[in-house]
C-alpha atoms as a PDB file:
ATOM      1  CA  MET A   1       4.680 -20.861  -9.919  1.00  0.00           C
ATOM      2  CA  GLY A   2       6.097 -19.269  -6.845  1.00  0.00           C
ATOM      3  CA  VAL A   3       7.849 -16.643  -8.832  1.00  0.00           C
ATOM      4  CA  THR A   4       6.953 -13.515  -6.603  1.00  0.00           C
ATOM      5  CA  ASP A   5       9.987 -10.920  -8.630  1.00  0.00           C
ATOM      6  CA  VAL A   6       7.821  -9.646 -11.355  1.00  0.00           C
ATOM      7  CA  LEU A   7      10.293  -7.404 -13.775  1.00  0.00           C
ATOM      8  CA  SER A   8       7.978  -6.134 -17.103  1.00  0.00           C
ATOM      9  CA  LEU A   9       5.494  -7.170 -18.982  1.00  0.00           C
ATOM     10  CA  GLN A  10       5.849  -6.401 -23.042  1.00  0.00           C
ATOM     11  CA  ALA A  11       2.248  -5.825 -24.299  1.00  0.00           C
ATOM     12  CA  LEU A  12       0.512  -7.380 -27.607  1.00  0.00           C
ATOM     13  CA  LEU A  13      -2.305  -4.714 -28.692  1.00  0.00           C
ATOM     14  CA  ALA A  14      -3.810  -6.441 -31.666  1.00  0.00           C
ATOM     15  CA  TYR A  15      -6.837  -4.426 -32.961  1.00  0.00           C
ATOM     16  CA  PRO A  16      -8.500  -3.485 -36.148  1.00  0.00           C
ATOM     17  CA  GLU A  17      -8.862  -0.062 -37.167  1.00  0.00           C
ATOM     18  CA  GLU A  18     -12.585   0.381 -36.453  1.00  0.00           C
ATOM     19  CA  LEU A  19     -11.953   0.062 -32.983  1.00  0.00           C
ATOM     20  CA  PRO A  20     -11.662   3.343 -31.627  1.00  0.00           C
ATOM     21  CA  GLU A  21      -7.997   4.458 -30.144  1.00  0.00           C
ATOM     22  CA  GLU A  22      -9.686   5.169 -27.000  1.00  0.00           C
ATOM     23  CA  VAL A  23      -9.895   1.674 -26.315  1.00  0.00           C
ATOM     24  CA  ALA A  24      -6.441   0.436 -26.935  1.00  0.00           C
ATOM     25  CA  ALA A  25      -4.829   3.142 -24.883  1.00  0.00           C
ATOM     26  CA  GLY A  26      -7.806   2.392 -22.305  1.00  0.00           C
ATOM     27  CA  VAL A  27      -6.547  -1.530 -22.198  1.00  0.00           C
ATOM     28  CA  LEU A  28      -2.819  -0.502 -22.499  1.00  0.00           C
ATOM     29  CA  ARG A  29      -3.323   2.046 -19.357  1.00  0.00           C
ATOM     30  CA  GLY A  30      -5.204  -0.649 -17.455  1.00  0.00           C
ATOM     31  CA  MET A  31      -2.209  -3.104 -17.712  1.00  0.00           C
ATOM     32  CA  ASN A  32       0.153  -0.659 -16.826  1.00  0.00           C
ATOM     33  CA  GLY A  33      -2.027   0.029 -13.679  1.00  0.00           C
ATOM     34  CA  PHE A  34      -1.555  -3.795 -12.843  1.00  0.00           C
ATOM     35  CA  MET A  35       1.686  -4.282 -13.293  1.00  0.00           C
ATOM     36  CA  THR A  36       2.542  -0.712 -11.066  1.00  0.00           C
ATOM     37  CA  ALA A  37       0.335  -2.904  -7.896  1.00  0.00           C
ATOM     38  CA  ILE A  38       2.657  -4.934  -8.341  1.00  0.00           C
ATOM     39  CA  GLY A  39       5.490  -3.332  -8.274  1.00  0.00           C
ATOM     40  CA  SER A  40       6.326  -3.984 -12.015  1.00  0.00           C
ATOM     41  CA  ARG A  41       5.390  -1.670 -14.969  1.00  0.00           C
ATOM     42  CA  VAL A  42       4.825  -2.366 -19.052  1.00  0.00           C
ATOM     43  CA  THR A  43       7.963  -1.846 -20.511  1.00  0.00           C
ATOM     44  CA  GLY A  44       7.309  -2.246 -24.239  1.00  0.00           C
ATOM     45  CA  GLY A  45       5.623  -4.638 -26.947  1.00  0.00           C
ATOM     46  CA  GLN A  46       4.318  -4.782 -30.285  1.00  0.00           C
ATOM     47  CA  THR A  47       1.042  -2.871 -31.627  1.00  0.00           C
ATOM     48  CA  ILE A  48      -0.396  -4.280 -34.523  1.00  0.00           C
ATOM     49  CA  ARG A  49      -3.422  -4.451 -36.896  1.00  0.00           C
ATOM     50  CA  ASN A  50      -6.158  -7.445 -36.853  1.00  0.00           C
ATOM     51  CA  PRO A  51      -9.654  -8.170 -37.742  1.00  0.00           C
ATOM     52  CA  TRP A  52     -10.593  -9.027 -34.072  1.00  0.00           C
ATOM     53  CA  PRO A  53      -8.749  -7.612 -31.034  1.00  0.00           C
ATOM     54  CA  VAL A  54      -6.092  -9.551 -28.958  1.00  0.00           C
ATOM     55  CA  PHE A  55      -4.747  -7.818 -25.665  1.00  0.00           C
ATOM     56  CA  GLY A  56      -1.814 -10.386 -24.130  1.00  0.00           C
ATOM     57  CA  GLY A  57       1.395 -10.100 -23.812  1.00  0.00           C
ATOM     58  CA  VAL A  58       4.788 -12.035 -22.293  1.00  0.00           C
ATOM     59  CA  CYS A  59       5.591 -11.203 -18.515  1.00  0.00           C
ATOM     60  CA  LEU A  60       8.899 -12.027 -17.183  1.00  0.00           C
ATOM     61  CA  GLY A  61       9.935 -12.773 -13.493  1.00  0.00           C
ATOM     62  CA  ILE A  62      12.962 -14.274 -12.092  1.00  0.00           C
ATOM     63  CA  ALA A  63      13.402 -16.787  -9.059  1.00  0.00           C
ATOM     64  CA  ARG A  64      16.252 -19.073  -7.570  1.00  0.00           C
ATOM     65  CA  PRO A  65      15.908 -22.785  -8.830  1.00  0.00           C
ATOM     66  CA  GLU A  66      15.039 -24.118  -5.516  1.00  0.00           C
ATOM     67  CA  GLU A  67      12.391 -21.489  -5.234  1.00  0.00           C
ATOM     68  CA  ILE A  68       9.948 -22.706  -7.983  1.00  0.00           C
ATOM     69  CA  VAL A  69       7.046 -24.338  -7.654  1.00  0.00           C
ATOM     70  CA  TYR A  70       6.433 -26.928  -9.802  1.00  0.00           C
ATOM     71  CA  PRO A  71       2.942 -28.781 -10.813  1.00  0.00           C
ATOM     72  CA  SER A  72       4.408 -32.343  -9.684  1.00  0.00           C
ATOM     73  CA  GLY A  73       5.761 -33.291  -6.626  1.00  0.00           C
ATOM     74  CA  ALA A  74       2.596 -33.535  -4.689  1.00  0.00           C
ATOM     75  CA  ARG A  75       2.247 -36.364  -1.994  1.00  0.00           C
ATOM     76  CA  VAL A  76      -0.163 -39.341  -0.743  1.00  0.00           C
ATOM     77  CA  GLY A  77      -2.022 -37.484   2.213  1.00  0.00           C
ATOM     78  CA  ASP A  78      -1.280 -34.462   1.536  1.00  0.00           C
ATOM     79  CA  ALA A  79      -4.372 -31.686   1.280  1.00  0.00           C
ATOM     80  CA  VAL A  80      -5.471 -29.998  -1.784  1.00  0.00           C
ATOM     81  CA  VAL A  81      -6.050 -26.090  -1.554  1.00  0.00           C
ATOM     82  CA  LEU A  82      -7.792 -23.604  -3.567  1.00  0.00           C
ATOM     83  CA  THR A  83      -7.731 -19.612  -3.366  1.00  0.00           C
ATOM     84  CA  LYS A  84     -10.249 -18.704  -5.962  1.00  0.00           C
ATOM     85  CA  PRO A  85     -14.115 -20.021  -6.229  1.00  0.00           C
ATOM     86  CA  LEU A  86     -14.801 -20.970 -10.167  1.00  0.00           C
ATOM     87  CA  GLY A  87     -17.686 -19.993 -12.176  1.00  0.00           C
ATOM     88  CA  THR A  88     -15.663 -17.019 -14.421  1.00  0.00           C
ATOM     89  CA  GLN A  89     -16.909 -18.773 -17.528  1.00  0.00           C
ATOM     90  CA  PRO A  90     -20.780 -18.878 -17.402  1.00  0.00           C
ATOM     91  CA  ALA A  91     -20.441 -15.396 -15.687  1.00  0.00           C
ATOM     92  CA  MET A  92     -18.595 -13.830 -18.622  1.00  0.00           C
ATOM     93  CA  ARG A  93     -21.030 -15.947 -21.007  1.00  0.00           C
ATOM     94  CA  SER A  94     -23.890 -14.067 -19.277  1.00  0.00           C
ATOM     95  CA  TYR A  95     -22.359 -10.629 -19.982  1.00  0.00           C
ATOM     96  CA  ARG A  96     -22.306 -11.023 -23.477  1.00  0.00           C
ATOM     97  CA  ASP A  97     -25.879 -12.193 -24.062  1.00  0.00           C
ATOM     98  CA  LEU A  98     -27.452  -9.501 -22.047  1.00  0.00           C
ATOM     99  CA  ASN A  99     -25.169  -7.678 -24.642  1.00  0.00           C
ATOM    100  CA  SER A 100     -26.380  -9.388 -27.827  1.00  0.00           C
ATOM    101  CA  PRO A 101     -29.868 -10.675 -29.525  1.00  0.00           C
ATOM    102  CA  LYS A 102     -29.930 -13.642 -26.605  1.00  0.00           C
ATOM    103  CA  ARG A 103     -30.940 -11.014 -23.883  1.00  0.00           C
ATOM    104  CA  ASP A 104     -34.182 -11.565 -23.523  1.00  0.00           C
ATOM    105  CA  VAL A 105     -33.999 -15.202 -23.288  1.00  0.00           C
ATOM    106  CA  LEU A 106     -31.672 -14.638 -20.915  1.00  0.00           C
ATOM    107  CA  LEU A 107     -33.848 -12.931 -18.711  1.00  0.00           C
ATOM    108  CA  GLU A 108     -36.671 -14.495 -19.304  1.00  0.00           C
ATOM    109  CA  ARG A 109     -34.783 -17.372 -16.735  1.00  0.00           C
ATOM    110  CA  PHE A 110     -32.433 -14.664 -14.597  1.00  0.00           C
ATOM    111  CA  VAL A 111     -32.896 -10.885 -12.695  1.00  0.00           C
ATOM    112  CA  GLU A 112     -30.956  -8.807 -14.432  1.00  0.00           C
ATOM    113  CA  SER A 113     -29.368  -7.098 -11.123  1.00  0.00           C
ATOM    114  CA  ASP A 114     -28.663 -10.627  -9.735  1.00  0.00           C
ATOM    115  CA  LEU A 115     -26.432 -11.406 -13.379  1.00  0.00           C
ATOM    116  CA  ARG A 116     -24.368  -8.041 -12.795  1.00  0.00           C
ATOM    117  CA  GLN A 117     -23.671  -8.820  -8.925  1.00  0.00           C
ATOM    118  CA  ILE A 118     -22.611 -12.241 -10.414  1.00  0.00           C
ATOM    119  CA  GLN A 119     -20.185 -11.099 -13.064  1.00  0.00           C
ATOM    120  CA  GLY A 120     -18.885  -8.181 -11.176  1.00  0.00           C
ATOM    121  CA  ASN A 121     -17.717 -11.103  -8.746  1.00  0.00           C
ATOM    122  CA  ALA A 122     -16.501 -12.842 -12.040  1.00  0.00           C
ATOM    123  CA  VAL A 123     -14.293  -9.203 -12.860  1.00  0.00           C
ATOM    124  CA  ARG A 124     -12.886  -9.508  -8.898  1.00  0.00           C
ATOM    125  CA  VAL A 125     -12.085 -13.001  -9.535  1.00  0.00           C
ATOM    126  CA  MET A 126      -9.706 -12.679 -12.599  1.00  0.00           C
ATOM    127  CA  THR A 127      -8.248  -9.431 -11.951  1.00  0.00           C
ATOM    128  CA  LYS A 128      -6.875 -10.685  -8.873  1.00  0.00           C
ATOM    129  CA  SER A 129      -3.400 -10.777  -8.645  1.00  0.00           C
ATOM    130  CA  ALA A 130      -1.810 -14.267  -7.823  1.00  0.00           C
ATOM    131  CA  LEU A 131       0.980 -12.116  -6.038  1.00  0.00           C
ATOM    132  CA  GLU A 132       0.206 -12.529  -2.478  1.00  0.00           C
ATOM    133  CA  VAL A 133      -0.713 -16.280  -2.995  1.00  0.00           C
ATOM    134  CA  ALA A 134       2.526 -16.851  -4.284  1.00  0.00           C
ATOM    135  CA  ARG A 135       4.655 -15.134  -1.370  1.00  0.00           C
ATOM    136  CA  VAL A 136       2.165 -17.174   1.022  1.00  0.00           C
ATOM    137  CA  MET A 137       2.918 -20.620  -1.090  1.00  0.00           C
ATOM    138  CA  ARG A 138       6.529 -19.546  -0.754  1.00  0.00           C
ATOM    139  CA  ALA A 139       6.472 -18.718   3.279  1.00  0.00           C
ATOM    140  CA  VAL A 140       4.261 -21.699   4.229  1.00  0.00           C
ATOM    141  CA  GLY A 141       6.130 -24.044   1.536  1.00  0.00           C
ATOM    142  CA  VAL A 142       4.346 -26.548  -0.616  1.00  0.00           C
ATOM    143  CA  ASN A 143       4.795 -29.809  -2.724  1.00  0.00           C
ATOM    144  CA  ALA A 144       3.436 -28.359  -5.953  1.00  0.00           C
ATOM    145  CA  ALA A 145       0.750 -25.920  -7.452  1.00  0.00           C
ATOM    146  CA  THR A 146      -1.205 -25.095 -10.178  1.00  0.00           C
ATOM    147  CA  ASP A 147      -3.027 -22.100 -11.862  1.00  0.00           C
ATOM    148  CA  VAL A 148      -7.044 -23.179 -12.226  1.00  0.00           C
ATOM    149  CA  THR A 149      -7.546 -21.955 -16.526  1.00  0.00           C
ATOM    150  CA  GLY A 150      -8.811 -23.334 -19.390  1.00  0.00           C
ATOM    151  CA  PHE A 151      -8.593 -26.852 -18.493  1.00  0.00           C
ATOM    152  CA  GLY A 152     -11.210 -26.799 -15.737  1.00  0.00           C
ATOM    153  CA  LEU A 153     -10.394 -27.593 -11.857  1.00  0.00           C
ATOM    154  CA  ILE A 154     -10.614 -31.538 -12.509  1.00  0.00           C
ATOM    155  CA  GLY A 155      -8.302 -31.073 -16.156  1.00  0.00           C
ATOM    156  CA  HIS A 156      -5.495 -28.972 -13.971  1.00  0.00           C
ATOM    157  CA  ALA A 157      -5.495 -31.583 -11.031  1.00  0.00           C
ATOM    158  CA  SER A 158      -5.098 -34.300 -13.634  1.00  0.00           C
ATOM    159  CA  ASN A 159      -1.905 -32.935 -14.498  1.00  0.00           C
ATOM    160  CA  ILE A 160      -0.958 -32.725 -11.056  1.00  0.00           C
ATOM    161  CA  ALA A 161      -1.993 -36.504 -10.608  1.00  0.00           C
ATOM    162  CA  THR A 162      -0.211 -37.645 -13.346  1.00  0.00           C
ATOM    163  CA  PHE A 163       3.201 -35.270 -12.556  1.00  0.00           C
ATOM    164  CA  SER A 164       3.130 -36.292  -8.869  1.00  0.00           C
ATOM    165  CA  GLY A 165       2.051 -40.289  -9.057  1.00  0.00           C
ATOM    166  CA  VAL A 166      -0.920 -39.276  -7.111  1.00  0.00           C
ATOM    167  CA  ASP A 167      -5.106 -40.063  -7.154  1.00  0.00           C
ATOM    168  CA  ILE A 168      -6.570 -36.367  -6.210  1.00  0.00           C
ATOM    169  CA  VAL A 169     -10.121 -36.519  -4.762  1.00  0.00           C
ATOM    170  CA  VAL A 170     -12.114 -33.182  -4.772  1.00  0.00           C
ATOM    171  CA  LYS A 171     -14.968 -33.012  -1.976  1.00  0.00           C
ATOM    172  CA  SER A 172     -15.974 -29.301  -2.248  1.00  0.00           C
ATOM    173  CA  VAL A 173     -15.886 -27.052  -4.855  1.00  0.00           C
ATOM    174  CA  PRO A 174     -16.438 -23.251  -3.941  1.00  0.00           C
ATOM    175  CA  VAL A 175     -18.195 -21.266  -7.141  1.00  0.00           C
ATOM    176  CA  ILE A 176     -18.873 -18.118  -7.450  1.00  0.00           C
ATOM    177  CA  ARG A 177     -22.647 -17.458  -6.098  1.00  0.00           C
ATOM    178  CA  GLY A 178     -25.426 -17.618  -9.082  1.00  0.00           C
ATOM    179  CA  THR A 179     -22.818 -19.538 -11.185  1.00  0.00           C
ATOM    180  CA  LEU A 180     -24.188 -23.276 -11.196  1.00  0.00           C
ATOM    181  CA  GLU A 181     -27.711 -22.161 -12.331  1.00  0.00           C
ATOM    182  CA  LEU A 182     -25.916 -20.012 -15.369  1.00  0.00           C
ATOM    183  CA  ALA A 183     -23.624 -23.216 -16.212  1.00  0.00           C
ATOM    184  CA  ASP A 184     -26.329 -25.721 -16.134  1.00  0.00           C
ATOM    185  CA  PHE A 185     -28.261 -22.814 -18.447  1.00  0.00           C
ATOM    186  CA  PHE A 186     -25.684 -22.369 -21.317  1.00  0.00           C
ATOM    187  CA  GLY A 187     -24.958 -26.570 -21.064  1.00  0.00           C
ATOM    188  CA  GLN A 188     -21.301 -25.619 -19.367  1.00  0.00           C
ATOM    189  CA  LYS A 189     -19.701 -28.165 -17.216  1.00  0.00           C
ATOM    190  CA  LEU A 190     -18.748 -26.425 -13.850  1.00  0.00           C
ATOM    191  CA  SER A 191     -21.016 -28.812 -12.188  1.00  0.00           C
ATOM    192  CA  LYS A 192     -18.227 -31.564 -13.207  1.00  0.00           C
ATOM    193  CA  GLY A 193     -15.401 -29.673 -12.638  1.00  0.00           C
ATOM    194  CA  LEU A 194     -14.439 -29.215 -15.995  1.00  0.00           C
ATOM    195  CA  GLY A 195     -15.354 -25.516 -16.549  1.00  0.00           C
ATOM    196  CA  ALA A 196     -13.239 -23.339 -18.339  1.00  0.00           C
ATOM    197  CA  GLU A 197     -12.066 -20.543 -15.754  1.00  0.00           C
ATOM    198  CA  THR A 198      -9.727 -17.251 -16.592  1.00  0.00           C
ATOM    199  CA  ALA A 199      -7.368 -16.339 -14.511  1.00  0.00           C
ATOM    200  CA  GLY A 200      -8.933 -18.175 -11.693  1.00  0.00           C
ATOM    201  CA  GLY A 201      -7.192 -19.176  -8.553  1.00  0.00           C
ATOM    202  CA  LEU A 202      -3.996 -21.491  -7.236  1.00  0.00           C
ATOM    203  CA  LEU A 203      -4.773 -24.864  -6.527  1.00  0.00           C
ATOM    204  CA  CYS A 204      -1.952 -26.053  -3.654  1.00  0.00           C
ATOM    205  CA  PHE A 205      -1.085 -28.984  -2.201  1.00  0.00           C
ATOM    206  CA  MET A 206       0.825 -29.108   0.877  1.00  0.00           C
ATOM    207  CA  ARG A 207       0.710 -31.666   3.554  1.00  0.00           C
ATOM    208  CA  PRO A 208      -2.447 -30.948   6.241  1.00  0.00           C
ATOM    209  CA  GLU A 209      -0.608 -29.127   9.561  1.00  0.00           C
ATOM    210  CA  LYS A 210       0.516 -26.820   7.230  1.00  0.00           C
ATOM    211  CA  VAL A 211      -3.299 -25.556   5.611  1.00  0.00           C
ATOM    212  CA  GLU A 212      -4.244 -23.482   9.486  1.00  0.00           C
ATOM    213  CA  LYS A 213      -0.891 -21.459   8.972  1.00  0.00           C
ATOM    214  CA  PHE A 214      -1.158 -21.172   5.387  1.00  0.00           C
ATOM    215  CA  SER A 215      -5.190 -19.893   5.400  1.00  0.00           C
ATOM    216  CA  ALA A 216      -4.369 -17.069   8.308  1.00  0.00           C
ATOM    217  CA  MET A 217      -1.882 -15.849   6.168  1.00  0.00           C
ATOM    218  CA  LEU A 218      -3.956 -15.145   3.124  1.00  0.00           C
ATOM    219  CA  GLN A 219      -6.886 -14.237   5.772  1.00  0.00           C
ATOM    220  CA  ARG A 220      -4.580 -11.559   7.091  1.00  0.00           C
ATOM    221  CA  LEU A 221      -4.154 -10.202   3.975  1.00  0.00           C
ATOM    222  CA  GLY A 222      -8.256 -10.133   3.208  1.00  0.00           C
ATOM    223  CA  LEU A 223      -8.277 -13.551   0.826  1.00  0.00           C
ATOM    224  CA  PRO A 224      -9.724 -16.972   1.276  1.00  0.00           C
ATOM    225  CA  CYS A 225      -9.184 -20.285   0.186  1.00  0.00           C
ATOM    226  CA  TRP A 226     -10.588 -23.345   0.845  1.00  0.00           C
ATOM    227  CA  THR A 227      -9.510 -26.430   1.685  1.00  0.00           C
ATOM    228  CA  ILE A 228     -11.446 -29.057  -1.476  1.00  0.00           C
ATOM    229  CA  GLY A 229      -9.716 -32.653  -0.900  1.00  0.00           C
ATOM    230  CA  GLY A 230      -6.814 -34.577  -0.919  1.00  0.00           C
ATOM    231  CA  THR A 231      -4.491 -36.908  -2.504  1.00  0.00           C
ATOM    232  CA  THR A 232      -4.133 -40.742  -2.188  1.00  0.00           C
ATOM    233  CA  LYS A 233      -2.288 -43.378  -3.655  1.00  0.00           C
ATOM    234  CA  PRO A 234      -3.282 -44.476  -6.531  1.00  0.00           C
ATOM    235  CA  LYS A 235      -4.820 -48.026  -7.406  1.00  0.00           C
ATOM    236  CA  THR A 236      -4.604 -47.867 -10.992  1.00  0.00           C
ATOM    237  CA  LYS A 237      -3.017 -44.863 -13.413  1.00  0.00           C
ATOM    238  CA  PRO A 238      -3.182 -41.753 -11.287  1.00  0.00           C
ATOM    239  CA  ALA A 239      -6.287 -39.537 -12.014  1.00  0.00           C
ATOM    240  CA  ALA A 240      -8.426 -36.415 -10.186  1.00  0.00           C
ATOM    241  CA  ARG A 241     -11.856 -36.880  -9.860  1.00  0.00           C
ATOM    242  CA  LEU A 242     -14.809 -35.380  -7.899  1.00  0.00           C
ATOM    243  CA  ALA A 243     -16.445 -37.341  -4.649  1.00  0.00           C
ATOM    244  CA  PRO A 244     -19.679 -39.060  -5.338  1.00  0.00           C
ATOM    245  CA  GLU A 245     -20.979 -36.819  -2.746  1.00  0.00           C
ATOM    246  CA  VAL A 246     -18.920 -33.063  -3.731  1.00  0.00           C
ATOM    247  CA  GLU A 247     -20.241 -30.488  -1.754  1.00  0.00           C
ATOM    248  CA  PHE A 248     -20.756 -27.167  -3.756  1.00  0.00           C
ATOM    249  CA  ILE A 249     -19.913 -23.684  -1.710  1.00  0.00           C
ATOM    250  CA  GLU A 250     -21.526 -20.927  -3.444  1.00  0.00           C
ATOM    251  CA  THR A 251     -19.708 -17.730  -1.888  1.00  0.00           C
ATOM    252  CA  GLU A 252     -18.726 -13.682  -2.989  1.00  0.00           C
ATOM    253  CA  PHE A 253     -14.988 -12.839  -3.783  1.00  0.00           C
ATOM    254  CA  PRO A 254     -13.668  -9.460  -1.632  1.00  0.00           C
END
């Protein structure tokens, strides 16, 4: 939402008694390391016992009201830009299957070294902060934005379409190399734009003349982005959809 002054994280650690303490401590160190890297820190939280591990928290940031970017306000004729490739769901499913009784079935179709490379890409996607992108959004000025997470690309784009009163047509989709085939193997809906993502990129809506500056500023930071479509005036109910000849761009991530 363009909030770039991140004050703190209140951490939640919930884990079973049989989980080694060093695992929970390592998670907390990782959380604090991430927050330190963006100029913030973990300042407190809660630790409880739970039958299964749950790690998370509440992040606190401040911004002036006029600086906040909402999932509404997209205009007809906007360009649609995405800042991370999709495909974390099948990548992480392959990680779980490699470490389960399903391993042999998975390796009948895929090479383990290829799967490890896909998983490494997905981890880089998920652990890359959106802070730098938020700063660029503020500098360039965008009309609307949302992250791409559990509802998938089309699910989150549909929210923007409804809140803004526009149609969104997605003509190209960047995906982590190898995840389309994995998603098909697992019966997931990545190719339909409905694959669930974890810590996915920001979906940004801006006037077309701003895309070059937006892309150049991210490139100087070593970050990619893709113009994936545009907005049009709705003929009926506002909606988001993949174009009939949508192009999938297989890519890596820095």
